[in-house]
Every structure is written in C-alpha cells, then in structure tokens.
C-alpha cells in the first residue's frame, strides 16, 4: 500500500514538474529606427529590459540587423499574442500588431520613423 502511494506521488510530481517547464522560442519582426538601438534606453535597450517584466519571459535578445527580437518564454505563463501586445505597448510594432500610438509618442525622436 505504501509503495503504491509513493509511486503514485512520484508520478504526480513528475507530471507537474515536466508540464510547467516547457519553454518555447519565438522570433518577432519589429522595427526601430535609431542608429544606436542596442544602447539607446528608449529603443531596443528598453525592449530588452521591459519585456522581462512580462510573466513567463526568460530571455530577450534584439537583433538590430534583422530588426527582430528573439524571446524564450514559458508556455504555461504567456503566449506569442501576449508578447506581441507587450511589445506594442512599448511603442514598437510586433509582426502584424501595430505599436500603440500613445507609447510610440513617448519614444525619443531618434527612435521614430523619419
């Protein structure tokens, strides 16, 4: 009886721990117009720091040459749509999600389309 209970408990704990740890990677096309994006606090630097506040995001890396952001996230905590919306709330487009106008207006002049 005790062996069955311990075995069942082990299976349950294994199932819960494996289901919580699924990490996916997404690459999102975005645009920044600044010539110093990686160091600018209101461009990619802002994107790379602020997105860590989105629950479930584990890694953010902006590629200024491709104008893409690569994000690793926990699937149980967030989704690609939520990530795109979070990027748009920072003032940047994210694939087919347009930047929020109020957030875009707050960006530095160097970060806006000329």
C-alpha atoms as a PDB file:
ATOM      1  CA  UNK A   1       0.000   0.000   0.000  1.00  0.00           C
ATOM      2  CA  UNK A   2       2.763   2.434   0.968  1.00  0.00           C
ATOM      3  CA  UNK A   3       4.734   1.519  -2.162  1.00  0.00           C
ATOM      4  CA  UNK A   4       1.714   2.293  -4.353  1.00  0.00           C
ATOM      5  CA  UNK A   5       1.214   5.626  -2.631  1.00  0.00           C
ATOM      6  CA  UNK A   6       4.879   6.606  -3.036  1.00  0.00           C
ATOM      7  CA  UNK A   7       4.864   5.509  -6.677  1.00  0.00           C
ATOM      8  CA  UNK A   8       1.672   7.493  -7.357  1.00  0.00           C
ATOM      9  CA  UNK A   9       3.123  10.542  -5.620  1.00  0.00           C
ATOM     10  CA  UNK A  10       6.318  10.274  -7.685  1.00  0.00           C
ATOM     11  CA  UNK A  11       4.322  10.059 -10.942  1.00  0.00           C
ATOM     12  CA  UNK A  12       2.185  13.064  -9.950  1.00  0.00           C
ATOM     13  CA  UNK A  13       5.210  15.206  -9.016  1.00  0.00           C
ATOM     14  CA  UNK A  14       6.988  14.242 -12.239  1.00  0.00           C
ATOM     15  CA  UNK A  15       3.953  15.139 -14.318  1.00  0.00           C
ATOM     16  CA  UNK A  16       3.513  18.525 -12.649  1.00  0.00           C
ATOM     17  CA  UNK A  17       7.186  19.451 -12.884  1.00  0.00           C
ATOM     18  CA  UNK A  18       7.511  18.476 -16.563  1.00  0.00           C
ATOM     19  CA  UNK A  19       4.324  20.252 -17.615  1.00  0.00           C
ATOM     20  CA  UNK A  20       5.418  23.544 -16.009  1.00  0.00           C
ATOM     21  CA  UNK A  21       8.814  23.745 -17.697  1.00  0.00           C
ATOM     22  CA  UNK A  22       8.004  23.869 -21.398  1.00  0.00           C
ATOM     23  CA  UNK A  23       9.977  26.727 -22.895  1.00  0.00           C
ATOM     24  CA  UNK A  24       9.403  27.924 -26.452  1.00  0.00           C
ATOM     25  CA  UNK A  25      11.288  30.398 -28.613  1.00  0.00           C
ATOM     26  CA  UNK A  26       9.634  32.971 -30.835  1.00  0.00           C
ATOM     27  CA  UNK A  27      11.175  35.432 -33.282  1.00  0.00           C
ATOM     28  CA  UNK A  28       9.135  38.601 -33.764  1.00  0.00           C
ATOM     29  CA  UNK A  29       9.722  41.134 -36.521  1.00  0.00           C
ATOM     30  CA  UNK A  30       9.807  44.671 -35.176  1.00  0.00           C
ATOM     31  CA  UNK A  31      11.228  47.996 -36.251  1.00  0.00           C
ATOM     32  CA  UNK A  32      13.435  50.525 -34.586  1.00  0.00           C
ATOM     33  CA  UNK A  33      14.721  53.495 -36.499  1.00  0.00           C
ATOM     34  CA  UNK A  34      17.574  54.532 -34.243  1.00  0.00           C
ATOM     35  CA  UNK A  35      21.205  54.154 -35.340  1.00  0.00           C
ATOM     36  CA  UNK A  36      22.308  53.255 -31.826  1.00  0.00           C
ATOM     37  CA  UNK A  37      19.479  50.874 -30.891  1.00  0.00           C
ATOM     38  CA  UNK A  38      21.387  48.442 -28.712  1.00  0.00           C
ATOM     39  CA  UNK A  39      22.454  51.137 -26.270  1.00  0.00           C
ATOM     40  CA  UNK A  40      19.527  53.548 -26.502  1.00  0.00           C
ATOM     41  CA  UNK A  41      17.396  53.370 -23.357  1.00  0.00           C
ATOM     42  CA  UNK A  42      14.215  54.114 -25.254  1.00  0.00           C
ATOM     43  CA  UNK A  43      14.736  51.704 -28.180  1.00  0.00           C
ATOM     44  CA  UNK A  44      15.952  48.123 -28.114  1.00  0.00           C
ATOM     45  CA  UNK A  45      17.558  48.626 -24.726  1.00  0.00           C
ATOM     46  CA  UNK A  46      14.121  49.455 -23.351  1.00  0.00           C
ATOM     47  CA  UNK A  47      12.601  46.493 -25.164  1.00  0.00           C
ATOM     48  CA  UNK A  48      15.206  44.107 -23.804  1.00  0.00           C
ATOM     49  CA  UNK A  49      14.744  45.269 -20.204  1.00  0.00           C
ATOM     50  CA  UNK A  50      10.995  45.933 -20.080  1.00  0.00           C
ATOM     51  CA  UNK A  51       9.931  42.623 -21.607  1.00  0.00           C
ATOM     52  CA  UNK A  52      11.419  40.767 -18.642  1.00  0.00           C
ATOM     53  CA  UNK A  53       8.525  42.150 -16.607  1.00  0.00           C
ATOM     54  CA  UNK A  54       6.091  40.101 -18.686  1.00  0.00           C
ATOM     55  CA  UNK A  55       5.317  36.979 -16.715  1.00  0.00           C
ATOM     56  CA  UNK A  56       6.942  33.898 -18.257  1.00  0.00           C
ATOM     57  CA  UNK A  57       9.574  35.608 -20.411  1.00  0.00           C
ATOM     58  CA  UNK A  58      13.005  34.147 -19.761  1.00  0.00           C
ATOM     59  CA  UNK A  59      15.266  35.606 -22.462  1.00  0.00           C
ATOM     60  CA  UNK A  60      15.053  38.631 -24.765  1.00  0.00           C
ATOM     61  CA  UNK A  61      17.561  39.406 -27.490  1.00  0.00           C
ATOM     62  CA  UNK A  62      17.136  42.178 -30.067  1.00  0.00           C
ATOM     63  CA  UNK A  63      18.932  41.816 -33.406  1.00  0.00           C
ATOM     64  CA  UNK A  64      19.282  45.281 -34.894  1.00  0.00           C
ATOM     65  CA  UNK A  65      20.489  43.992 -38.294  1.00  0.00           C
ATOM     66  CA  UNK A  66      17.393  41.841 -38.867  1.00  0.00           C
ATOM     67  CA  UNK A  67      15.103  44.064 -36.769  1.00  0.00           C
ATOM     68  CA  UNK A  68      13.847  41.023 -34.901  1.00  0.00           C
ATOM     69  CA  UNK A  69      13.531  40.185 -31.257  1.00  0.00           C
ATOM     70  CA  UNK A  70      14.063  36.592 -30.140  1.00  0.00           C
ATOM     71  CA  UNK A  71      12.215  35.648 -26.975  1.00  0.00           C
ATOM     72  CA  UNK A  72      12.271  32.479 -24.890  1.00  0.00           C
ATOM     73  CA  UNK A  73       9.176  32.074 -22.746  1.00  0.00           C
ATOM     74  CA  UNK A  74       7.292  29.576 -20.615  1.00  0.00           C
ATOM     75  CA  UNK A  75       4.212  28.411 -22.455  1.00  0.00           C
ATOM     76  CA  UNK A  76       2.281  27.949 -19.219  1.00  0.00           C
ATOM     77  CA  UNK A  77       2.778  31.617 -18.295  1.00  0.00           C
ATOM     78  CA  UNK A  78       2.410  33.581 -21.556  1.00  0.00           C
ATOM     79  CA  UNK A  79       1.697  33.282 -25.262  1.00  0.00           C
ATOM     80  CA  UNK A  80       3.023  34.776 -28.501  1.00  0.00           C
ATOM     81  CA  UNK A  81      -0.025  37.071 -28.733  1.00  0.00           C
ATOM     82  CA  UNK A  82       0.568  38.431 -25.226  1.00  0.00           C
ATOM     83  CA  UNK A  83       4.232  39.023 -26.072  1.00  0.00           C
ATOM     84  CA  UNK A  84       3.324  40.904 -29.262  1.00  0.00           C
ATOM     85  CA  UNK A  85       0.884  43.079 -27.314  1.00  0.00           C
ATOM     86  CA  UNK A  86       3.545  43.796 -24.683  1.00  0.00           C
ATOM     87  CA  UNK A  87       5.949  44.927 -27.428  1.00  0.00           C
ATOM     88  CA  UNK A  88       3.275  47.163 -28.963  1.00  0.00           C
ATOM     89  CA  UNK A  89       2.690  48.745 -25.540  1.00  0.00           C
ATOM     90  CA  UNK A  90       6.361  49.745 -25.561  1.00  0.00           C
ATOM     91  CA  UNK A  91       5.807  51.697 -28.783  1.00  0.00           C
ATOM     92  CA  UNK A  92       7.106  49.190 -31.331  1.00  0.00           C
ATOM     93  CA  UNK A  93       5.335  47.079 -33.927  1.00  0.00           C
ATOM     94  CA  UNK A  94       5.396  43.330 -33.394  1.00  0.00           C
ATOM     95  CA  UNK A  95       4.773  41.271 -36.525  1.00  0.00           C
ATOM     96  CA  UNK A  96       1.252  42.322 -37.555  1.00  0.00           C
ATOM     97  CA  UNK A  97       0.441  44.106 -34.270  1.00  0.00           C
ATOM     98  CA  UNK A  98       0.868  47.861 -34.637  1.00  0.00           C
ATOM     99  CA  UNK A  99       2.607  49.933 -31.991  1.00  0.00           C
ATOM    100  CA  UNK A 100       0.323  51.675 -29.527  1.00  0.00           C
ATOM    101  CA  UNK A 101       0.231  55.316 -30.569  1.00  0.00           C
ATOM    102  CA  UNK A 102       0.492  56.700 -27.033  1.00  0.00           C
ATOM    103  CA  UNK A 103       3.578  54.570 -26.334  1.00  0.00           C
ATOM    104  CA  UNK A 104       5.119  55.425 -29.710  1.00  0.00           C
ATOM    105  CA  UNK A 105       4.719  59.148 -28.982  1.00  0.00           C
ATOM    106  CA  UNK A 106       6.742  58.709 -25.763  1.00  0.00           C
ATOM    107  CA  UNK A 107       9.774  57.323 -27.613  1.00  0.00           C
ATOM    108  CA  UNK A 108      12.767  59.574 -28.211  1.00  0.00           C
ATOM    109  CA  UNK A 109      12.800  61.388 -31.545  1.00  0.00           C
ATOM    110  CA  UNK A 110      15.722  59.254 -32.749  1.00  0.00           C
ATOM    111  CA  UNK A 111      13.573  56.136 -32.321  1.00  0.00           C
ATOM    112  CA  UNK A 112      10.710  57.296 -34.517  1.00  0.00           C
ATOM    113  CA  UNK A 113      10.340  56.819 -38.242  1.00  0.00           C
ATOM    114  CA  UNK A 114      11.648  59.819 -40.118  1.00  0.00           C
END
